[in-house]
Amino acid sequence: MYRFLAILAFYKPFVVWSFVVNALIGFLNPHLVPAIVTKLFLTVFAWYYVSETPNKRKLTFYRNLGISPFRLFSIVFIVDCILTIIFLTVFREFT
């Protein structure tokens, strides 16, 4: 459970950007498949950003907790997809 909470703490700075992207996707094309593909692209971009900048030290912290970078970003992607599906479902109900 502590590992999952640590992963959510890692995801916390990305939540605002995720909801901004969700809102843009909702207005432009509120279908699930393009939204999930976009989120996959953004997760890969976030992995590249974190691993190639001075933020790489954050990954060392999660490695010390026993969480590999692949597992970290996979769980972040899954949580982000769940939030995207919920957001787009609610968004389509009100439009």
N, C-alpha and C. Protein backbone atom coordinates (compact mmCIF):
# COMPACT_ATOMS: atom_id res chain seq x y z
N MET A 1 0.82 -1.19 0.00
CA MET A 1 0.00 0.00 0.00
C MET A 1 0.87 1.26 0.00
N TYR A 2 2.01 1.21 0.72
CA TYR A 2 2.90 2.37 0.76
C TYR A 2 3.49 2.66 -0.61
N ARG A 3 3.77 1.60 -1.35
CA ARG A 3 4.31 1.79 -2.70
C ARG A 3 3.29 2.48 -3.60
N PHE A 4 2.03 2.07 -3.50
CA PHE A 4 0.98 2.69 -4.31
C PHE A 4 0.82 4.16 -3.94
N LEU A 5 0.87 4.47 -2.65
CA LEU A 5 0.78 5.87 -2.23
C LEU A 5 1.99 6.67 -2.71
N ALA A 6 3.16 6.03 -2.75
CA ALA A 6 4.34 6.71 -3.28
C ALA A 6 4.17 6.98 -4.77
N ILE A 7 3.57 6.04 -5.50
CA ILE A 7 3.32 6.23 -6.93
C ILE A 7 2.32 7.36 -7.14
N LEU A 8 1.29 7.42 -6.32
CA LEU A 8 0.33 8.52 -6.42
C LEU A 8 0.98 9.86 -6.10
N ALA A 9 1.93 9.87 -5.17
CA ALA A 9 2.67 11.10 -4.88
C ALA A 9 3.51 11.52 -6.09
N PHE A 10 4.03 10.54 -6.83
CA PHE A 10 4.77 10.85 -8.05
C PHE A 10 3.84 11.43 -9.12
N TYR A 11 2.61 10.90 -9.17
CA TYR A 11 1.64 11.32 -10.19
C TYR A 11 1.03 12.69 -9.88
N LYS A 12 1.09 13.10 -8.65
CA LYS A 12 0.44 14.34 -8.21
C LYS A 12 0.77 15.57 -9.06
N PRO A 13 2.03 15.84 -9.41
CA PRO A 13 2.30 17.03 -10.24
C PRO A 13 1.75 16.93 -11.65
N PHE A 14 1.49 15.71 -12.12
CA PHE A 14 1.00 15.52 -13.47
C PHE A 14 -0.52 15.59 -13.58
N VAL A 15 -1.22 15.59 -12.45
CA VAL A 15 -2.69 15.56 -12.46
C VAL A 15 -3.28 16.78 -13.14
N VAL A 16 -2.77 17.95 -12.85
CA VAL A 16 -3.32 19.18 -13.43
C VAL A 16 -3.18 19.13 -14.95
N TRP A 17 -2.00 18.75 -15.43
CA TRP A 17 -1.79 18.67 -16.88
C TRP A 17 -2.66 17.59 -17.49
N SER A 18 -2.88 16.51 -16.76
CA SER A 18 -3.74 15.45 -17.26
C SER A 18 -5.17 15.94 -17.46
N PHE A 19 -5.69 16.72 -16.51
CA PHE A 19 -7.05 17.22 -16.66
C PHE A 19 -7.15 18.29 -17.74
N VAL A 20 -6.10 19.05 -17.94
CA VAL A 20 -6.10 20.01 -19.05
C VAL A 20 -6.17 19.26 -20.38
N VAL A 21 -5.37 18.21 -20.50
CA VAL A 21 -5.39 17.40 -21.73
C VAL A 21 -6.75 16.71 -21.87
N ASN A 22 -7.32 16.22 -20.77
CA ASN A 22 -8.65 15.61 -20.83
C ASN A 22 -9.70 16.59 -21.33
N ALA A 23 -9.63 17.84 -20.87
CA ALA A 23 -10.59 18.84 -21.32
C ALA A 23 -10.42 19.12 -22.80
N LEU A 24 -9.18 19.25 -23.27
CA LEU A 24 -8.94 19.46 -24.70
C LEU A 24 -9.44 18.28 -25.53
N ILE A 25 -9.16 17.09 -25.08
CA ILE A 25 -9.63 15.90 -25.79
C ILE A 25 -11.15 15.86 -25.79
N GLY A 26 -11.75 16.21 -24.66
CA GLY A 26 -13.21 16.21 -24.57
C GLY A 26 -13.86 17.17 -25.55
N PHE A 27 -13.26 18.33 -25.75
CA PHE A 27 -13.82 19.31 -26.68
C PHE A 27 -13.53 18.95 -28.13
N LEU A 28 -12.36 18.41 -28.40
CA LEU A 28 -11.98 18.12 -29.78
C LEU A 28 -12.52 16.79 -30.30
N ASN A 29 -12.35 15.73 -29.52
CA ASN A 29 -12.74 14.39 -29.97
C ASN A 29 -12.97 13.51 -28.74
N PRO A 30 -14.20 13.47 -28.21
CA PRO A 30 -14.44 12.78 -26.94
C PRO A 30 -14.57 11.25 -27.06
N HIS A 31 -13.79 10.63 -27.92
CA HIS A 31 -13.81 9.17 -28.03
C HIS A 31 -12.68 8.59 -27.18
N LEU A 32 -12.89 7.38 -26.68
CA LEU A 32 -11.95 6.80 -25.73
C LEU A 32 -10.63 6.38 -26.37
N VAL A 33 -10.66 5.75 -27.52
CA VAL A 33 -9.43 5.21 -28.12
C VAL A 33 -8.41 6.31 -28.42
N PRO A 34 -8.79 7.40 -29.09
CA PRO A 34 -7.79 8.47 -29.29
C PRO A 34 -7.30 9.08 -27.97
N ALA A 35 -8.17 9.13 -26.99
CA ALA A 35 -7.76 9.68 -25.70
C ALA A 35 -6.73 8.78 -25.02
N ILE A 36 -6.94 7.47 -25.07
CA ILE A 36 -6.01 6.53 -24.46
C ILE A 36 -4.67 6.55 -25.20
N VAL A 37 -4.71 6.64 -26.52
CA VAL A 37 -3.47 6.72 -27.30
C VAL A 37 -2.72 8.01 -26.97
N THR A 38 -3.44 9.10 -26.82
CA THR A 38 -2.81 10.36 -26.44
C THR A 38 -2.18 10.26 -25.06
N LYS A 39 -2.87 9.62 -24.13
CA LYS A 39 -2.33 9.45 -22.79
C LYS A 39 -1.09 8.55 -22.80
N LEU A 40 -1.08 7.54 -23.66
CA LEU A 40 0.09 6.69 -23.78
C LEU A 40 1.28 7.51 -24.29
N PHE A 41 1.05 8.33 -25.30
CA PHE A 41 2.11 9.20 -25.82
C PHE A 41 2.62 10.14 -24.74
N LEU A 42 1.72 10.73 -23.98
CA LEU A 42 2.13 11.66 -22.93
C LEU A 42 2.86 10.96 -21.79
N THR A 43 2.50 9.72 -21.50
CA THR A 43 3.21 8.95 -20.47
C THR A 43 4.63 8.64 -20.92
N VAL A 44 4.79 8.28 -22.19
CA VAL A 44 6.14 8.03 -22.72
C VAL A 44 6.94 9.33 -22.70
N PHE A 45 6.32 10.45 -23.04
CA PHE A 45 7.00 11.74 -22.99
C PHE A 45 7.41 12.07 -21.55
N ALA A 46 6.53 11.81 -20.59
CA ALA A 46 6.86 12.08 -19.18
C ALA A 46 8.02 11.21 -18.73
N TRP A 47 8.04 9.94 -19.16
CA TRP A 47 9.15 9.06 -18.83
C TRP A 47 10.45 9.62 -19.40
N TYR A 48 10.42 10.05 -20.65
CA TYR A 48 11.62 10.61 -21.28
C TYR A 48 12.05 11.88 -20.55
N TYR A 49 11.11 12.73 -20.23
CA TYR A 49 11.42 13.98 -19.53
C TYR A 49 12.07 13.70 -18.17
N VAL A 50 11.49 12.79 -17.42
CA VAL A 50 12.01 12.52 -16.07
C VAL A 50 13.36 11.81 -16.15
N SER A 51 13.53 10.92 -17.10
CA SER A 51 14.77 10.15 -17.14
C SER A 51 15.94 10.91 -17.77
N GLU A 52 15.67 11.97 -18.52
CA GLU A 52 16.74 12.69 -19.22
C GLU A 52 17.02 14.08 -18.65
N THR A 53 16.40 14.45 -17.56
CA THR A 53 16.62 15.76 -16.95
C THR A 53 17.14 15.57 -15.52
N PRO A 54 17.44 16.64 -14.84
CA PRO A 54 17.87 16.49 -13.44
C PRO A 54 16.82 15.85 -12.53
N ASN A 55 15.60 15.70 -13.02
CA ASN A 55 14.56 15.02 -12.23
C ASN A 55 14.81 13.53 -12.12
N LYS A 56 15.89 13.06 -12.71
CA LYS A 56 16.23 11.64 -12.68
C LYS A 56 16.43 11.15 -11.24
N ARG A 57 16.77 12.05 -10.35
CA ARG A 57 16.95 11.68 -8.94
C ARG A 57 15.66 11.12 -8.36
N LYS A 58 14.50 11.58 -8.85
CA LYS A 58 13.23 11.05 -8.36
C LYS A 58 13.12 9.56 -8.64
N LEU A 59 13.63 9.14 -9.79
CA LEU A 59 13.57 7.72 -10.13
C LEU A 59 14.43 6.89 -9.18
N THR A 60 15.53 7.45 -8.70
CA THR A 60 16.37 6.74 -7.74
C THR A 60 15.60 6.49 -6.45
N PHE A 61 14.83 7.46 -6.03
CA PHE A 61 14.00 7.29 -4.83
C PHE A 61 13.05 6.11 -4.99
N TYR A 62 12.39 6.01 -6.14
CA TYR A 62 11.43 4.93 -6.36
C TYR A 62 12.13 3.59 -6.55
N ARG A 63 13.34 3.60 -7.12
CA ARG A 63 14.11 2.36 -7.21
C ARG A 63 14.47 1.85 -5.82
N ASN A 64 14.80 2.76 -4.91
CA ASN A 64 15.10 2.37 -3.54
C ASN A 64 13.89 1.78 -2.83
N LEU A 65 12.71 2.17 -3.26
CA LEU A 65 11.47 1.59 -2.71
C LEU A 65 11.13 0.26 -3.36
N GLY A 66 11.88 -0.13 -4.38
CA GLY A 66 11.62 -1.39 -5.07
C GLY A 66 10.67 -1.25 -6.23
N ILE A 67 10.53 -0.03 -6.76
CA ILE A 67 9.63 0.21 -7.89
C ILE A 67 10.48 0.58 -9.10
N SER A 68 10.41 -0.25 -10.13
CA SER A 68 11.18 0.05 -11.33
C SER A 68 10.52 1.19 -12.10
N PRO A 69 11.29 1.90 -12.93
CA PRO A 69 10.69 2.99 -13.72
C PRO A 69 9.56 2.49 -14.63
N PHE A 70 9.72 1.30 -15.20
CA PHE A 70 8.66 0.75 -16.06
C PHE A 70 7.38 0.53 -15.27
N ARG A 71 7.52 -0.05 -14.09
CA ARG A 71 6.35 -0.29 -13.25
C ARG A 71 5.72 1.03 -12.80
N LEU A 72 6.56 1.99 -12.45
CA LEU A 72 6.08 3.30 -12.01
C LEU A 72 5.24 3.97 -13.09
N PHE A 73 5.77 4.05 -14.30
CA PHE A 73 5.03 4.71 -15.37
C PHE A 73 3.87 3.87 -15.88
N SER A 74 3.95 2.55 -15.75
CA SER A 74 2.80 1.71 -16.13
C SER A 74 1.62 1.97 -15.21
N ILE A 75 1.88 2.04 -13.92
CA ILE A 75 0.80 2.28 -12.97
C ILE A 75 0.26 3.70 -13.12
N VAL A 76 1.15 4.66 -13.38
CA VAL A 76 0.70 6.03 -13.63
C VAL A 76 -0.20 6.06 -14.87
N PHE A 77 0.18 5.33 -15.92
CA PHE A 77 -0.63 5.26 -17.13
C PHE A 77 -2.00 4.64 -16.84
N ILE A 78 -2.04 3.58 -16.08
CA ILE A 78 -3.32 2.93 -15.76
C ILE A 78 -4.21 3.86 -14.95
N VAL A 79 -3.65 4.52 -13.94
CA VAL A 79 -4.44 5.46 -13.13
C VAL A 79 -4.94 6.62 -14.00
N ASP A 80 -4.07 7.11 -14.88
CA ASP A 80 -4.45 8.20 -15.78
C ASP A 80 -5.55 7.76 -16.74
N CYS A 81 -5.47 6.54 -17.24
CA CYS A 81 -6.52 6.03 -18.13
C CYS A 81 -7.86 5.90 -17.41
N ILE A 82 -7.83 5.45 -16.19
CA ILE A 82 -9.07 5.34 -15.41
C ILE A 82 -9.69 6.72 -15.22
N LEU A 83 -8.88 7.70 -14.86
CA LEU A 83 -9.39 9.07 -14.70
C LEU A 83 -9.90 9.63 -16.02
N THR A 84 -9.21 9.32 -17.11
CA THR A 84 -9.64 9.80 -18.43
C THR A 84 -10.97 9.20 -18.82
N ILE A 85 -11.14 7.91 -18.62
CA ILE A 85 -12.40 7.24 -18.96
C ILE A 85 -13.55 7.83 -18.14
N ILE A 86 -13.33 8.04 -16.85
CA ILE A 86 -14.37 8.63 -16.01
C ILE A 86 -14.69 10.05 -16.48
N PHE A 87 -13.66 10.85 -16.74
CA PHE A 87 -13.86 12.23 -17.18
C PHE A 87 -14.62 12.29 -18.50
N LEU A 88 -14.20 11.48 -19.48
CA LEU A 88 -14.86 11.53 -20.78
C LEU A 88 -16.29 10.99 -20.73
N THR A 89 -16.53 10.01 -19.88
CA THR A 89 -17.89 9.50 -19.74
C THR A 89 -18.81 10.57 -19.16
N VAL A 90 -18.33 11.25 -18.13
CA VAL A 90 -19.13 12.34 -17.54
C VAL A 90 -19.26 13.49 -18.53
N PHE A 91 -18.21 13.79 -19.25
CA PHE A 91 -18.22 14.88 -20.22
C PHE A 91 -19.25 14.62 -21.32
N ARG A 92 -19.30 13.38 -21.81
CA ARG A 92 -20.27 13.04 -22.87
C ARG A 92 -21.70 13.08 -22.37
N GLU A 93 -21.92 12.82 -21.11
CA GLU A 93 -23.27 12.87 -20.58
C GLU A 93 -23.83 14.29 -20.52
N PHE A 94 -22.97 15.26 -20.38
CA PHE A 94 -23.41 16.64 -20.25
C PHE A 94 -23.29 17.45 -21.53
N THR A 95 -22.84 16.82 -22.62
CA THR A 95 -22.75 17.55 -23.89
C THR A 95 -23.75 17.02 -24.88
